[in-house]
Amino acid sequence: MWWLGRFGTIEELRAANLFMGPYAAQITWNWTVIGLLIPLALLLLPPGRSYWAQLLAFLGATWGSYAMRIGIVIGGEAINRSGAGYYTFHLNFGELWYTGVSVLLFLGILAALLAAMPRDALSAPFFTQKKA
């Protein structure tokens, strides 16, 4: 974000001031720590080869991407068109309900597609026939 404040246009400078100002803690913890650093550490360390470490890394990256989406929405709602200060925008139940249902719908469609895939127990990487 620091380069955006130095080399960006006026609109990018406003966004950088917003993301490094009132939303800095949310971005630092949700995007950077939970969404990037913890999954990378879990995958790069030797215990990261286990199923549970990979699942935690996946959940952390998913959390970080969802937090990035919410942060961009809140940032877009908070920037004033005239550039004079920021609007105070707070999430209400409607936005959280809509985004939660959209995530559940996405996971449901993904599960349905995975369930519809044929399961061939004799696929090549796991089964080799004995030659007689």
N, C-alpha and C. Protein backbone atom coordinates (compact mmCIF):
# COMPACT_ATOMS: atom_id res chain seq x y z
N MET A 1 0.81 -1.20 0.00
CA MET A 1 0.00 0.00 0.00
C MET A 1 0.85 1.27 0.00
N TRP A 2 2.07 1.19 0.50
CA TRP A 2 2.88 2.41 0.59
C TRP A 2 3.18 2.98 -0.79
N TRP A 3 3.40 2.10 -1.78
CA TRP A 3 3.71 2.58 -3.13
C TRP A 3 2.51 3.24 -3.77
N LEU A 4 1.30 2.82 -3.37
CA LEU A 4 0.10 3.42 -3.93
C LEU A 4 -0.03 4.87 -3.49
N GLY A 5 0.34 5.15 -2.24
CA GLY A 5 0.29 6.52 -1.75
C GLY A 5 1.35 7.41 -2.37
N ARG A 6 2.45 6.83 -2.82
CA ARG A 6 3.52 7.65 -3.39
C ARG A 6 3.41 7.83 -4.90
N PHE A 7 2.97 6.78 -5.59
CA PHE A 7 3.00 6.82 -7.05
C PHE A 7 1.63 6.80 -7.70
N GLY A 8 0.57 6.77 -6.93
CA GLY A 8 -0.77 6.64 -7.50
C GLY A 8 -1.38 7.97 -7.88
N THR A 9 -2.54 7.87 -8.49
CA THR A 9 -3.30 9.07 -8.86
C THR A 9 -4.07 9.57 -7.64
N ILE A 10 -4.89 10.58 -7.83
CA ILE A 10 -5.66 11.15 -6.72
C ILE A 10 -6.60 10.11 -6.12
N GLU A 11 -7.30 9.36 -6.96
CA GLU A 11 -8.23 8.35 -6.45
C GLU A 11 -7.49 7.25 -5.70
N GLU A 12 -6.35 6.84 -6.21
CA GLU A 12 -5.57 5.81 -5.53
C GLU A 12 -4.98 6.33 -4.23
N LEU A 13 -4.64 7.61 -4.19
CA LEU A 13 -4.15 8.22 -2.96
C LEU A 13 -5.25 8.25 -1.90
N ARG A 14 -6.48 8.54 -2.30
CA ARG A 14 -7.60 8.50 -1.35
C ARG A 14 -7.80 7.09 -0.81
N ALA A 15 -7.74 6.10 -1.69
CA ALA A 15 -7.91 4.72 -1.24
C ALA A 15 -6.78 4.30 -0.31
N ALA A 16 -5.56 4.71 -0.62
CA ALA A 16 -4.43 4.37 0.25
C ALA A 16 -4.57 5.03 1.61
N ASN A 17 -5.02 6.29 1.64
CA ASN A 17 -5.23 6.97 2.92
C ASN A 17 -6.33 6.29 3.73
N LEU A 18 -7.35 5.79 3.05
CA LEU A 18 -8.43 5.10 3.74
C LEU A 18 -7.95 3.76 4.29
N PHE A 19 -7.22 2.99 3.46
CA PHE A 19 -6.79 1.67 3.90
C PHE A 19 -5.64 1.72 4.89
N MET A 20 -4.86 2.79 4.90
CA MET A 20 -3.79 2.91 5.88
C MET A 20 -4.23 3.76 7.07
N GLY A 21 -5.46 4.23 7.05
CA GLY A 21 -5.98 5.06 8.13
C GLY A 21 -6.96 4.30 8.99
N PRO A 22 -8.28 4.55 8.80
CA PRO A 22 -9.27 3.94 9.68
C PRO A 22 -9.38 2.43 9.57
N TYR A 23 -9.02 1.85 8.43
CA TYR A 23 -9.15 0.40 8.25
C TYR A 23 -7.81 -0.32 8.29
N ALA A 24 -6.80 0.31 8.84
CA ALA A 24 -5.46 -0.30 8.83
C ALA A 24 -5.40 -1.57 9.67
N ALA A 25 -6.04 -1.58 10.83
CA ALA A 25 -5.99 -2.78 11.68
C ALA A 25 -6.71 -3.95 11.03
N GLN A 26 -7.86 -3.69 10.43
CA GLN A 26 -8.60 -4.76 9.76
C GLN A 26 -7.80 -5.33 8.60
N ILE A 27 -7.17 -4.48 7.83
CA ILE A 27 -6.40 -4.95 6.68
C ILE A 27 -5.16 -5.71 7.14
N THR A 28 -4.49 -5.18 8.16
CA THR A 28 -3.28 -5.84 8.64
C THR A 28 -3.59 -7.22 9.17
N TRP A 29 -4.58 -7.36 10.02
CA TRP A 29 -4.86 -8.66 10.63
C TRP A 29 -5.56 -9.61 9.68
N ASN A 30 -6.62 -9.16 9.03
CA ASN A 30 -7.41 -10.08 8.21
C ASN A 30 -6.74 -10.41 6.88
N TRP A 31 -6.27 -9.41 6.16
CA TRP A 31 -5.69 -9.67 4.85
C TRP A 31 -4.29 -10.25 4.97
N THR A 32 -3.45 -9.56 5.77
CA THR A 32 -2.03 -9.90 5.77
C THR A 32 -1.71 -11.08 6.68
N VAL A 33 -2.15 -11.02 7.93
CA VAL A 33 -1.75 -12.06 8.89
C VAL A 33 -2.55 -13.34 8.67
N ILE A 34 -3.89 -13.24 8.74
CA ILE A 34 -4.72 -14.45 8.63
C ILE A 34 -4.77 -14.96 7.20
N GLY A 35 -4.86 -14.06 6.23
CA GLY A 35 -5.03 -14.49 4.85
C GLY A 35 -3.76 -14.80 4.09
N LEU A 36 -2.60 -14.31 4.57
CA LEU A 36 -1.37 -14.51 3.80
C LEU A 36 -0.27 -15.17 4.62
N LEU A 37 0.11 -14.57 5.74
CA LEU A 37 1.29 -15.05 6.47
C LEU A 37 1.06 -16.40 7.15
N ILE A 38 -0.07 -16.58 7.81
CA ILE A 38 -0.32 -17.85 8.49
C ILE A 38 -0.45 -19.00 7.48
N PRO A 39 -1.22 -18.85 6.38
CA PRO A 39 -1.23 -19.95 5.40
C PRO A 39 0.14 -20.25 4.79
N LEU A 40 0.92 -19.21 4.50
CA LEU A 40 2.26 -19.46 3.96
C LEU A 40 3.14 -20.19 4.97
N ALA A 41 3.08 -19.77 6.23
CA ALA A 41 3.88 -20.44 7.26
C ALA A 41 3.44 -21.89 7.43
N LEU A 42 2.13 -22.12 7.40
CA LEU A 42 1.65 -23.49 7.55
C LEU A 42 2.09 -24.38 6.39
N LEU A 43 2.11 -23.84 5.19
CA LEU A 43 2.47 -24.65 4.04
C LEU A 43 3.97 -24.81 3.85
N LEU A 44 4.76 -23.85 4.33
CA LEU A 44 6.21 -23.94 4.14
C LEU A 44 6.92 -24.73 5.23
N LEU A 45 6.33 -24.82 6.41
CA LEU A 45 6.95 -25.58 7.49
C LEU A 45 6.70 -27.08 7.28
N PRO A 46 7.55 -27.93 7.85
CA PRO A 46 7.38 -29.38 7.65
C PRO A 46 6.03 -29.93 8.11
N PRO A 47 5.41 -29.45 9.20
CA PRO A 47 4.09 -29.99 9.54
C PRO A 47 3.00 -29.60 8.55
N GLY A 48 3.32 -28.73 7.60
CA GLY A 48 2.34 -28.29 6.62
C GLY A 48 1.94 -29.35 5.62
N ARG A 49 2.60 -30.49 5.65
CA ARG A 49 2.24 -31.56 4.73
C ARG A 49 1.04 -32.36 5.23
N SER A 50 0.65 -32.13 6.47
CA SER A 50 -0.50 -32.87 6.99
C SER A 50 -1.80 -32.29 6.44
N TYR A 51 -2.82 -33.11 6.49
CA TYR A 51 -4.12 -32.71 5.97
C TYR A 51 -4.68 -31.52 6.75
N TRP A 52 -4.55 -31.53 8.07
CA TRP A 52 -5.14 -30.48 8.90
C TRP A 52 -4.43 -29.16 8.72
N ALA A 53 -3.12 -29.18 8.53
CA ALA A 53 -2.41 -27.92 8.28
C ALA A 53 -2.81 -27.33 6.94
N GLN A 54 -2.99 -28.18 5.94
CA GLN A 54 -3.44 -27.69 4.64
C GLN A 54 -4.87 -27.17 4.71
N LEU A 55 -5.71 -27.82 5.50
CA LEU A 55 -7.08 -27.34 5.68
C LEU A 55 -7.08 -25.98 6.38
N LEU A 56 -6.26 -25.82 7.41
CA LEU A 56 -6.17 -24.52 8.09
C LEU A 56 -5.63 -23.44 7.16
N ALA A 57 -4.66 -23.79 6.33
CA ALA A 57 -4.14 -22.82 5.37
C ALA A 57 -5.22 -22.43 4.36
N PHE A 58 -6.00 -23.39 3.92
CA PHE A 58 -7.11 -23.09 3.01
C PHE A 58 -8.13 -22.18 3.67
N LEU A 59 -8.49 -22.48 4.91
CA LEU A 59 -9.47 -21.65 5.61
C LEU A 59 -8.94 -20.24 5.85
N GLY A 60 -7.65 -20.12 6.18
CA GLY A 60 -7.06 -18.79 6.36
C GLY A 60 -7.03 -17.98 5.09
N ALA A 61 -6.68 -18.62 3.98
CA ALA A 61 -6.68 -17.91 2.69
C ALA A 61 -8.09 -17.53 2.27
N THR A 62 -9.06 -18.40 2.56
CA THR A 62 -10.45 -18.08 2.25
C THR A 62 -10.93 -16.92 3.10
N TRP A 63 -10.59 -16.94 4.39
CA TRP A 63 -10.94 -15.83 5.28
C TRP A 63 -10.32 -14.52 4.77
N GLY A 64 -9.06 -14.56 4.38
CA GLY A 64 -8.40 -13.36 3.89
C GLY A 64 -9.03 -12.82 2.62
N SER A 65 -9.42 -13.72 1.71
CA SER A 65 -10.05 -13.24 0.47
C SER A 65 -11.44 -12.68 0.74
N TYR A 66 -12.17 -13.28 1.66
CA TYR A 66 -13.48 -12.74 2.03
C TYR A 66 -13.33 -11.39 2.72
N ALA A 67 -12.34 -11.27 3.59
CA ALA A 67 -12.10 -9.99 4.26
C ALA A 67 -11.66 -8.92 3.26
N MET A 68 -10.93 -9.33 2.23
CA MET A 68 -10.55 -8.38 1.19
C MET A 68 -11.78 -7.88 0.44
N ARG A 69 -12.69 -8.78 0.16
CA ARG A 69 -13.93 -8.39 -0.52
C ARG A 69 -14.73 -7.41 0.33
N ILE A 70 -14.91 -7.72 1.60
CA ILE A 70 -15.65 -6.83 2.49
C ILE A 70 -14.93 -5.50 2.64
N GLY A 71 -13.59 -5.53 2.74
CA GLY A 71 -12.83 -4.29 2.87
C GLY A 71 -12.96 -3.39 1.67
N ILE A 72 -12.98 -3.98 0.48
CA ILE A 72 -13.14 -3.17 -0.73
C ILE A 72 -14.54 -2.59 -0.80
N VAL A 73 -15.55 -3.36 -0.38
CA VAL A 73 -16.92 -2.85 -0.37
C VAL A 73 -17.04 -1.70 0.63
N ILE A 74 -16.51 -1.88 1.83
CA ILE A 74 -16.59 -0.83 2.84
C ILE A 74 -15.80 0.39 2.39
N GLY A 75 -14.63 0.18 1.81
CA GLY A 75 -13.84 1.31 1.32
C GLY A 75 -14.54 2.07 0.22
N GLY A 76 -15.20 1.35 -0.68
CA GLY A 76 -15.95 2.02 -1.74
C GLY A 76 -17.13 2.80 -1.22
N GLU A 77 -17.75 2.30 -0.15
CA GLU A 77 -18.88 3.01 0.44
C GLU A 77 -18.43 4.20 1.28
N ALA A 78 -17.21 4.17 1.77
CA ALA A 78 -16.76 5.21 2.69
C ALA A 78 -16.16 6.42 1.98
N ILE A 79 -15.69 6.25 0.75
CA ILE A 79 -15.04 7.37 0.06
C ILE A 79 -16.10 8.34 -0.45
N ASN A 80 -15.92 9.59 -0.12
CA ASN A 80 -16.82 10.65 -0.55
C ASN A 80 -16.43 11.09 -1.96
N ARG A 81 -17.40 11.37 -2.80
CA ARG A 81 -17.10 11.78 -4.18
C ARG A 81 -16.35 13.10 -4.24
N SER A 82 -16.63 13.99 -3.32
CA SER A 82 -15.96 15.29 -3.36
C SER A 82 -14.56 15.23 -2.78
N GLY A 83 -14.23 14.14 -2.08
CA GLY A 83 -12.91 14.01 -1.49
C GLY A 83 -12.79 14.68 -0.14
N ALA A 84 -13.88 15.18 0.40
CA ALA A 84 -13.85 15.87 1.69
C ALA A 84 -14.23 14.90 2.79
N GLY A 85 -13.27 14.17 3.30
CA GLY A 85 -13.52 13.26 4.41
C GLY A 85 -14.09 11.93 3.95
N TYR A 86 -14.47 11.13 4.93
CA TYR A 86 -15.01 9.80 4.67
C TYR A 86 -16.41 9.69 5.25
N TYR A 87 -17.23 8.90 4.60
CA TYR A 87 -18.53 8.56 5.17
C TYR A 87 -18.31 7.53 6.26
N THR A 88 -19.20 7.53 7.22
CA THR A 88 -19.14 6.47 8.23
C THR A 88 -20.05 5.35 7.76
N PHE A 89 -19.47 4.24 7.43
CA PHE A 89 -20.21 3.10 6.91
C PHE A 89 -20.02 1.94 7.87
N HIS A 90 -21.12 1.36 8.28
CA HIS A 90 -21.07 0.21 9.18
C HIS A 90 -21.86 -0.93 8.55
N LEU A 91 -21.32 -2.11 8.68
CA LEU A 91 -22.04 -3.27 8.15
C LEU A 91 -23.29 -3.51 8.98
N ASN A 92 -24.37 -3.80 8.32
CA ASN A 92 -25.57 -4.18 9.04
C ASN A 92 -25.91 -5.63 8.70
N PHE A 93 -26.98 -6.11 9.27
CA PHE A 93 -27.34 -7.51 9.11
C PHE A 93 -27.64 -7.85 7.65
N GLY A 94 -28.20 -6.93 6.90
CA GLY A 94 -28.55 -7.19 5.50
C GLY A 94 -27.34 -7.52 4.65
N GLU A 95 -26.26 -6.73 4.78
CA GLU A 95 -25.05 -7.02 4.00
C GLU A 95 -24.41 -8.34 4.41
N LEU A 96 -24.35 -8.58 5.72
CA LEU A 96 -23.76 -9.84 6.18
C LEU A 96 -24.61 -11.04 5.75
N TRP A 97 -25.93 -10.90 5.80
CA TRP A 97 -26.81 -11.98 5.37
C TRP A 97 -26.62 -12.27 3.88
N TYR A 98 -26.58 -11.22 3.08
CA TYR A 98 -26.42 -11.40 1.63
C TYR A 98 -25.09 -12.07 1.30
N THR A 99 -24.01 -11.60 1.90
CA THR A 99 -22.71 -12.19 1.59
C THR A 99 -22.60 -13.60 2.15
N GLY A 100 -23.18 -13.85 3.33
CA GLY A 100 -23.16 -15.21 3.88
C GLY A 100 -23.92 -16.19 3.03
N VAL A 101 -25.09 -15.77 2.55
CA VAL A 101 -25.88 -16.65 1.68
C VAL A 101 -25.16 -16.88 0.36
N SER A 102 -24.49 -15.86 -0.17
CA SER A 102 -23.76 -16.05 -1.43
C SER A 102 -22.60 -17.03 -1.25
N VAL A 103 -21.93 -16.99 -0.11
CA VAL A 103 -20.86 -17.96 0.15
C VAL A 103 -21.43 -19.36 0.28
N LEU A 104 -22.54 -19.51 1.01
CA LEU A 104 -23.16 -20.83 1.15
C LEU A 104 -23.67 -21.36 -0.19
N LEU A 105 -24.21 -20.48 -1.02
CA LEU A 105 -24.66 -20.90 -2.34
C LEU A 105 -23.49 -21.37 -3.20
N PHE A 106 -22.38 -20.65 -3.13
CA PHE A 106 -21.18 -21.05 -3.87
C PHE A 106 -20.69 -22.42 -3.39
N LEU A 107 -20.63 -22.62 -2.08
CA LEU A 107 -20.17 -23.91 -1.55
C LEU A 107 -21.14 -25.03 -1.91
N GLY A 108 -22.44 -24.74 -1.93
CA GLY A 108 -23.42 -25.75 -2.31
C GLY A 108 -23.28 -26.15 -3.77
N ILE A 109 -23.07 -25.17 -4.64
CA ILE A 109 -22.88 -25.48 -6.06
C ILE A 109 -21.59 -26.27 -6.26
N LEU A 110 -20.54 -25.89 -5.55
CA LEU A 110 -19.29 -26.64 -5.63
C LEU A 110 -19.46 -28.08 -5.16
N ALA A 111 -20.18 -28.27 -4.05
CA ALA A 111 -20.42 -29.63 -3.55
C ALA A 111 -21.26 -30.44 -4.53
N ALA A 112 -22.26 -29.81 -5.16
CA ALA A 112 -23.08 -30.53 -6.13
C ALA A 112 -22.26 -30.93 -7.35
N LEU A 113 -21.38 -30.05 -7.81
CA LEU A 113 -20.53 -30.40 -8.95
C LEU A 113 -19.55 -31.52 -8.60
N LEU A 114 -19.00 -31.47 -7.39
CA LEU A 114 -18.10 -32.54 -6.98
C LEU A 114 -18.84 -33.86 -6.82
N ALA A 115 -20.08 -33.82 -6.34
CA ALA A 115 -20.86 -35.04 -6.18
C ALA A 115 -21.27 -35.62 -7.53
N ALA A 116 -21.40 -34.77 -8.55
CA ALA A 116 -21.82 -35.24 -9.87
C ALA A 116 -20.67 -35.84 -10.67
N MET A 117 -19.44 -35.64 -10.21
CA MET A 117 -18.30 -36.20 -10.95
C MET A 117 -18.28 -37.72 -10.80
N PRO A 118 -17.94 -38.43 -11.86
CA PRO A 118 -17.89 -39.90 -11.75
C PRO A 118 -16.70 -40.32 -10.90
N ARG A 119 -16.93 -41.35 -10.13
CA ARG A 119 -15.87 -41.87 -9.27
C ARG A 119 -15.40 -43.19 -9.84
N ASP A 120 -14.28 -43.16 -10.48
CA ASP A 120 -13.72 -44.36 -11.07
C ASP A 120 -12.65 -44.88 -10.12
N ALA A 121 -12.93 -45.99 -9.49
CA ALA A 121 -11.99 -46.55 -8.52
C ALA A 121 -10.75 -47.13 -9.19
N LEU A 122 -10.81 -47.35 -10.48
CA LEU A 122 -9.69 -47.96 -11.18
C LEU A 122 -8.95 -46.93 -12.03
N SER A 123 -8.83 -45.72 -11.54
CA SER A 123 -8.14 -44.69 -12.32
C SER A 123 -6.64 -44.96 -12.33
N ALA A 124 -5.96 -44.41 -13.30
CA ALA A 124 -4.56 -44.74 -13.58
C ALA A 124 -3.58 -44.44 -12.44
N PRO A 125 -3.62 -43.31 -11.77
CA PRO A 125 -2.57 -43.07 -10.78
C PRO A 125 -2.64 -43.99 -9.57
N PHE A 126 -3.81 -44.58 -9.30
CA PHE A 126 -3.95 -45.35 -8.07
C PHE A 126 -4.05 -46.85 -8.31
N PHE A 127 -4.22 -47.25 -9.53
CA PHE A 127 -4.43 -48.67 -9.79
C PHE A 127 -3.59 -49.10 -10.99
N THR A 128 -2.83 -50.11 -10.79
CA THR A 128 -2.07 -50.69 -11.91
C THR A 128 -2.45 -52.16 -12.01
N GLN A 129 -2.79 -52.57 -13.19
CA GLN A 129 -3.18 -53.96 -13.38
C GLN A 129 -1.94 -54.84 -13.42
N LYS A 130 -2.11 -56.02 -12.88
CA LYS A 130 -1.01 -56.98 -12.90
C LYS A 130 -0.91 -57.58 -14.30
N LYS A 131 0.29 -57.58 -14.79
CA LYS A 131 0.51 -58.17 -16.12
C LYS A 131 0.74 -59.67 -15.96
N ALA A 132 0.03 -60.44 -16.75
CA ALA A 132 0.16 -61.89 -16.64
C ALA A 132 1.04 -62.46 -17.71
